[in-house]
Amino acid sequence: MGQFLAIFHYLVVFFLFAFLLGEFLILRLGVTAQSLKLLRRIDFLYGFFAGLVIVSGLLRVFWGEIPSSFWFTNYLFWMKMALYVAMGVLSLPPTMDYLQWHRSFRKNGTLPSQTESRRTSIWLHAQLGIIGFIPVFAVLMKG
């Protein structure tokens, strides 16, 4: 069971990264009417998989092969958790922007400007920077 949980957790994390990268690339290429719809879907999936990362991680902590005491007493585990929370906080402004852009598009057909897209992509850059440290801490945790 522990190996299955680990594999599932890693797959979910890879999907999370893929959706984050997808959002970044859409903004980088420029938002169109079609990509705005796709951006909202990808952002929904990003949030969904972020939740799955939490669930699968908790399952690993409590029912995985490594005792929960290892996780709770390991400062690198808590650093990973702090980085994950930071990613969650940093994901809120882009989500709010996407919702606003969608409302504006439905109301009067306007798309976000290049400046708006760049401003939003800064939040995604920050998340992409953070997500790179999480596997480093995971490896260091296990020695």
C-alpha atoms as a PDB file:
ATOM      1  CA  MET A   1       0.000   0.000   0.000  1.00  0.00           C
ATOM      2  CA  GLY A   2       2.844   2.388   0.849  1.00  0.00           C
ATOM      3  CA  GLN A   3       4.435   2.083  -2.581  1.00  0.00           C
ATOM      4  CA  PHE A   4       1.104   2.680  -4.306  1.00  0.00           C
ATOM      5  CA  LEU A   5       0.567   5.827  -2.204  1.00  0.00           C
ATOM      6  CA  ALA A   6       4.054   7.079  -3.062  1.00  0.00           C
ATOM      7  CA  ILE A   7       3.555   6.484  -6.789  1.00  0.00           C
ATOM      8  CA  PHE A   8       0.132   8.119  -6.723  1.00  0.00           C
ATOM      9  CA  HIS A   9       1.499  11.115  -4.798  1.00  0.00           C
ATOM     10  CA  TYR A  10       4.370  11.602  -7.261  1.00  0.00           C
ATOM     11  CA  LEU A  11       2.058  11.329 -10.279  1.00  0.00           C
ATOM     12  CA  VAL A  12      -0.288  13.910  -8.785  1.00  0.00           C
ATOM     13  CA  VAL A  13       2.652  16.258  -8.176  1.00  0.00           C
ATOM     14  CA  PHE A  14       3.774  15.846 -11.800  1.00  0.00           C
ATOM     15  CA  PHE A  15       0.268  16.739 -13.001  1.00  0.00           C
ATOM     16  CA  LEU A  16       0.238  19.755 -10.690  1.00  0.00           C
ATOM     17  CA  PHE A  17       3.500  20.948 -12.237  1.00  0.00           C
ATOM     18  CA  ALA A  18       2.160  20.335 -15.756  1.00  0.00           C
ATOM     19  CA  PHE A  19      -0.929  22.455 -15.127  1.00  0.00           C
ATOM     20  CA  LEU A  20       1.136  25.256 -13.588  1.00  0.00           C
ATOM     21  CA  LEU A  21       3.455  25.194 -16.582  1.00  0.00           C
ATOM     22  CA  GLY A  22       0.432  25.158 -18.909  1.00  0.00           C
ATOM     23  CA  GLU A  23      -0.919  28.339 -17.319  1.00  0.00           C
ATOM     24  CA  PHE A  24       2.478  29.976 -17.641  1.00  0.00           C
ATOM     25  CA  LEU A  25       2.813  29.052 -21.320  1.00  0.00           C
ATOM     26  CA  ILE A  26      -0.658  30.318 -22.202  1.00  0.00           C
ATOM     27  CA  LEU A  27       0.137  33.682 -20.655  1.00  0.00           C
ATOM     28  CA  ARG A  28       3.519  33.713 -22.371  1.00  0.00           C
ATOM     29  CA  LEU A  29       1.938  33.090 -25.796  1.00  0.00           C
ATOM     30  CA  GLY A  30      -0.796  35.677 -25.276  1.00  0.00           C
ATOM     31  CA  VAL A  31      -4.376  35.268 -24.160  1.00  0.00           C
ATOM     32  CA  THR A  32      -6.986  34.770 -26.877  1.00  0.00           C
ATOM     33  CA  ALA A  33     -10.695  34.094 -26.537  1.00  0.00           C
ATOM     34  CA  GLN A  34     -10.054  30.374 -26.930  1.00  0.00           C
ATOM     35  CA  SER A  35      -7.049  30.263 -24.614  1.00  0.00           C
ATOM     36  CA  LEU A  36      -8.941  32.222 -21.943  1.00  0.00           C
ATOM     37  CA  LYS A  37     -11.448  29.394 -21.723  1.00  0.00           C
ATOM     38  CA  LEU A  38      -8.620  26.857 -21.616  1.00  0.00           C
ATOM     39  CA  LEU A  39      -6.817  28.913 -18.967  1.00  0.00           C
ATOM     40  CA  ARG A  40      -9.830  28.740 -16.654  1.00  0.00           C
ATOM     41  CA  ARG A  41     -10.067  24.972 -17.120  1.00  0.00           C
ATOM     42  CA  ILE A  42      -6.374  24.459 -16.489  1.00  0.00           C
ATOM     43  CA  ASP A  43      -6.529  26.655 -13.398  1.00  0.00           C
ATOM     44  CA  PHE A  44      -9.452  24.590 -12.094  1.00  0.00           C
ATOM     45  CA  LEU A  45      -7.442  21.407 -12.659  1.00  0.00           C
ATOM     46  CA  TYR A  46      -4.430  23.017 -10.993  1.00  0.00           C
ATOM     47  CA  GLY A  47      -6.526  23.677  -7.894  1.00  0.00           C
ATOM     48  CA  PHE A  48      -8.035  20.199  -8.010  1.00  0.00           C
ATOM     49  CA  PHE A  49      -4.618  18.554  -8.235  1.00  0.00           C
ATOM     50  CA  ALA A  50      -3.279  20.818  -5.488  1.00  0.00           C
ATOM     51  CA  GLY A  51      -5.999  19.332  -3.287  1.00  0.00           C
ATOM     52  CA  LEU A  52      -5.059  15.831  -4.409  1.00  0.00           C
ATOM     53  CA  VAL A  53      -1.437  16.533  -3.476  1.00  0.00           C
ATOM     54  CA  ILE A  54      -2.598  17.357   0.050  1.00  0.00           C
ATOM     55  CA  VAL A  55      -4.829  14.283   0.285  1.00  0.00           C
ATOM     56  CA  SER A  56      -2.240  11.902  -1.156  1.00  0.00           C
ATOM     57  CA  GLY A  57       0.453  13.419   1.054  1.00  0.00           C
ATOM     58  CA  LEU A  58      -1.661  12.963   4.181  1.00  0.00           C
ATOM     59  CA  LEU A  59      -2.391   9.384   3.169  1.00  0.00           C
ATOM     60  CA  ARG A  60       1.365   8.801   2.862  1.00  0.00           C
ATOM     61  CA  VAL A  61       2.004  10.366   6.262  1.00  0.00           C
ATOM     62  CA  PHE A  62      -0.594   8.303   8.085  1.00  0.00           C
ATOM     63  CA  TRP A  63      -0.723   5.060   6.064  1.00  0.00           C
ATOM     64  CA  GLY A  64       2.577   4.997   4.193  1.00  0.00           C
ATOM     65  CA  GLU A  65       5.615   2.865   4.850  1.00  0.00           C
ATOM     66  CA  ILE A  66       7.394   5.571   6.856  1.00  0.00           C
ATOM     67  CA  PRO A  67       6.023   6.183  10.376  1.00  0.00           C
ATOM     68  CA  SER A  68       4.240   9.503  10.861  1.00  0.00           C
ATOM     69  CA  SER A  69       6.655  10.376  13.669  1.00  0.00           C
ATOM     70  CA  PHE A  70       9.401  10.670  11.019  1.00  0.00           C
ATOM     71  CA  TRP A  71       7.422  13.306   9.139  1.00  0.00           C
ATOM     72  CA  PHE A  72       6.283  15.316  12.124  1.00  0.00           C
ATOM     73  CA  THR A  73       9.753  15.612  13.638  1.00  0.00           C
ATOM     74  CA  ASN A  74      11.569  16.415  10.395  1.00  0.00           C
ATOM     75  CA  TYR A  75      12.181  20.139   9.827  1.00  0.00           C
ATOM     76  CA  LEU A  76      12.640  19.572   6.075  1.00  0.00           C
ATOM     77  CA  PHE A  77       9.122  18.138   5.922  1.00  0.00           C
ATOM     78  CA  TRP A  78       7.805  21.334   7.508  1.00  0.00           C
ATOM     79  CA  MET A  79       9.849  23.437   5.091  1.00  0.00           C
ATOM     80  CA  LYS A  80       8.206  21.537   2.232  1.00  0.00           C
ATOM     81  CA  MET A  81       4.805  22.215   3.761  1.00  0.00           C
ATOM     82  CA  ALA A  82       5.611  25.916   4.122  1.00  0.00           C
ATOM     83  CA  LEU A  83       6.650  26.091   0.470  1.00  0.00           C
ATOM     84  CA  TYR A  84       3.461  24.330  -0.560  1.00  0.00           C
ATOM     85  CA  VAL A  85       1.357  26.799   1.451  1.00  0.00           C
ATOM     86  CA  ALA A  86       3.292  29.657  -0.170  1.00  0.00           C
ATOM     87  CA  MET A  87       2.447  28.225  -3.591  1.00  0.00           C
ATOM     88  CA  GLY A  88      -1.213  28.100  -2.610  1.00  0.00           C
ATOM     89  CA  VAL A  89      -1.190  31.731  -1.514  1.00  0.00           C
ATOM     90  CA  LEU A  90       0.648  32.780  -4.685  1.00  0.00           C
ATOM     91  CA  SER A  91      -1.919  30.940  -6.827  1.00  0.00           C
ATOM     92  CA  LEU A  92      -4.804  33.095  -5.589  1.00  0.00           C
ATOM     93  CA  PRO A  93      -4.065  36.324  -7.539  1.00  0.00           C
ATOM     94  CA  PRO A  94      -3.847  34.526 -10.925  1.00  0.00           C
ATOM     95  CA  THR A  95      -7.101  32.692 -10.233  1.00  0.00           C
ATOM     96  CA  MET A  96      -8.806  35.974  -9.358  1.00  0.00           C
ATOM     97  CA  ASP A  97      -7.376  37.543 -12.532  1.00  0.00           C
ATOM     98  CA  TYR A  98      -8.659  34.694 -14.705  1.00  0.00           C
ATOM     99  CA  LEU A  99     -12.139  35.049 -13.229  1.00  0.00           C
ATOM    100  CA  GLN A 100     -12.091  38.811 -13.804  1.00  0.00           C
ATOM    101  CA  TRP A 101     -10.823  38.385 -17.357  1.00  0.00           C
ATOM    102  CA  HIS A 102     -13.574  35.880 -18.069  1.00  0.00           C
ATOM    103  CA  ARG A 103     -16.248  38.245 -16.688  1.00  0.00           C
ATOM    104  CA  SER A 104     -14.876  41.119 -18.776  1.00  0.00           C
ATOM    105  CA  PHE A 105     -14.787  38.967 -21.888  1.00  0.00           C
ATOM    106  CA  ARG A 106     -18.377  37.793 -21.400  1.00  0.00           C
ATOM    107  CA  LYS A 107     -19.573  41.315 -20.636  1.00  0.00           C
ATOM    108  CA  ASN A 108     -17.884  43.309 -23.406  1.00  0.00           C
ATOM    109  CA  GLY A 109     -15.585  40.963 -25.344  1.00  0.00           C
ATOM    110  CA  THR A 110     -12.335  42.406 -23.994  1.00  0.00           C
ATOM    111  CA  LEU A 111      -9.267  40.299 -23.394  1.00  0.00           C
ATOM    112  CA  PRO A 112      -6.488  41.082 -20.923  1.00  0.00           C
ATOM    113  CA  SER A 113      -3.759  43.386 -22.131  1.00  0.00           C
ATOM    114  CA  GLN A 114      -0.173  42.242 -22.491  1.00  0.00           C
ATOM    115  CA  THR A 115       0.611  44.223 -19.333  1.00  0.00           C
ATOM    116  CA  GLU A 116      -2.096  42.381 -17.378  1.00  0.00           C
ATOM    117  CA  SER A 117      -0.846  39.029 -18.642  1.00  0.00           C
ATOM    118  CA  ARG A 118       2.731  39.880 -17.671  1.00  0.00           C
ATOM    119  CA  ARG A 119       1.654  41.007 -14.208  1.00  0.00           C
ATOM    120  CA  THR A 120      -0.190  37.738 -13.688  1.00  0.00           C
ATOM    121  CA  SER A 121       2.711  35.688 -15.025  1.00  0.00           C
ATOM    122  CA  ILE A 122       4.924  37.088 -12.236  1.00  0.00           C
ATOM    123  CA  TRP A 123       2.824  35.089  -9.747  1.00  0.00           C
ATOM    124  CA  LEU A 124       3.316  31.979 -11.883  1.00  0.00           C
ATOM    125  CA  HIS A 125       7.076  32.600 -12.075  1.00  0.00           C
ATOM    126  CA  ALA A 126       7.177  32.698  -8.286  1.00  0.00           C
ATOM    127  CA  GLN A 127       5.280  29.414  -8.042  1.00  0.00           C
ATOM    128  CA  LEU A 128       7.533  27.768 -10.612  1.00  0.00           C
ATOM    129  CA  GLY A 129      10.546  28.912  -8.607  1.00  0.00           C
ATOM    130  CA  ILE A 130       9.143  27.495  -5.394  1.00  0.00           C
ATOM    131  CA  ILE A 131       8.015  24.169  -6.811  1.00  0.00           C
ATOM    132  CA  GLY A 132      11.609  23.418  -7.822  1.00  0.00           C
ATOM    133  CA  PHE A 133      12.731  23.421  -4.185  1.00  0.00           C
ATOM    134  CA  ILE A 134      10.120  20.958  -2.958  1.00  0.00           C
ATOM    135  CA  PRO A 135      11.714  17.826  -4.488  1.00  0.00           C
ATOM    136  CA  VAL A 136      15.118  18.999  -3.248  1.00  0.00           C
ATOM    137  CA  PHE A 137      13.801  19.016   0.325  1.00  0.00           C
ATOM    138  CA  ALA A 138      12.124  15.654  -0.280  1.00  0.00           C
ATOM    139  CA  VAL A 139      15.433  14.085  -1.281  1.00  0.00           C
ATOM    140  CA  LEU A 140      17.317  15.715   1.582  1.00  0.00           C
ATOM    141  CA  MET A 141      14.655  14.515   4.026  1.00  0.00           C
ATOM    142  CA  LYS A 142      15.356  10.890   3.309  1.00  0.00           C
ATOM    143  CA  GLY A 143      19.113  11.303   3.228  1.00  0.00           C
END
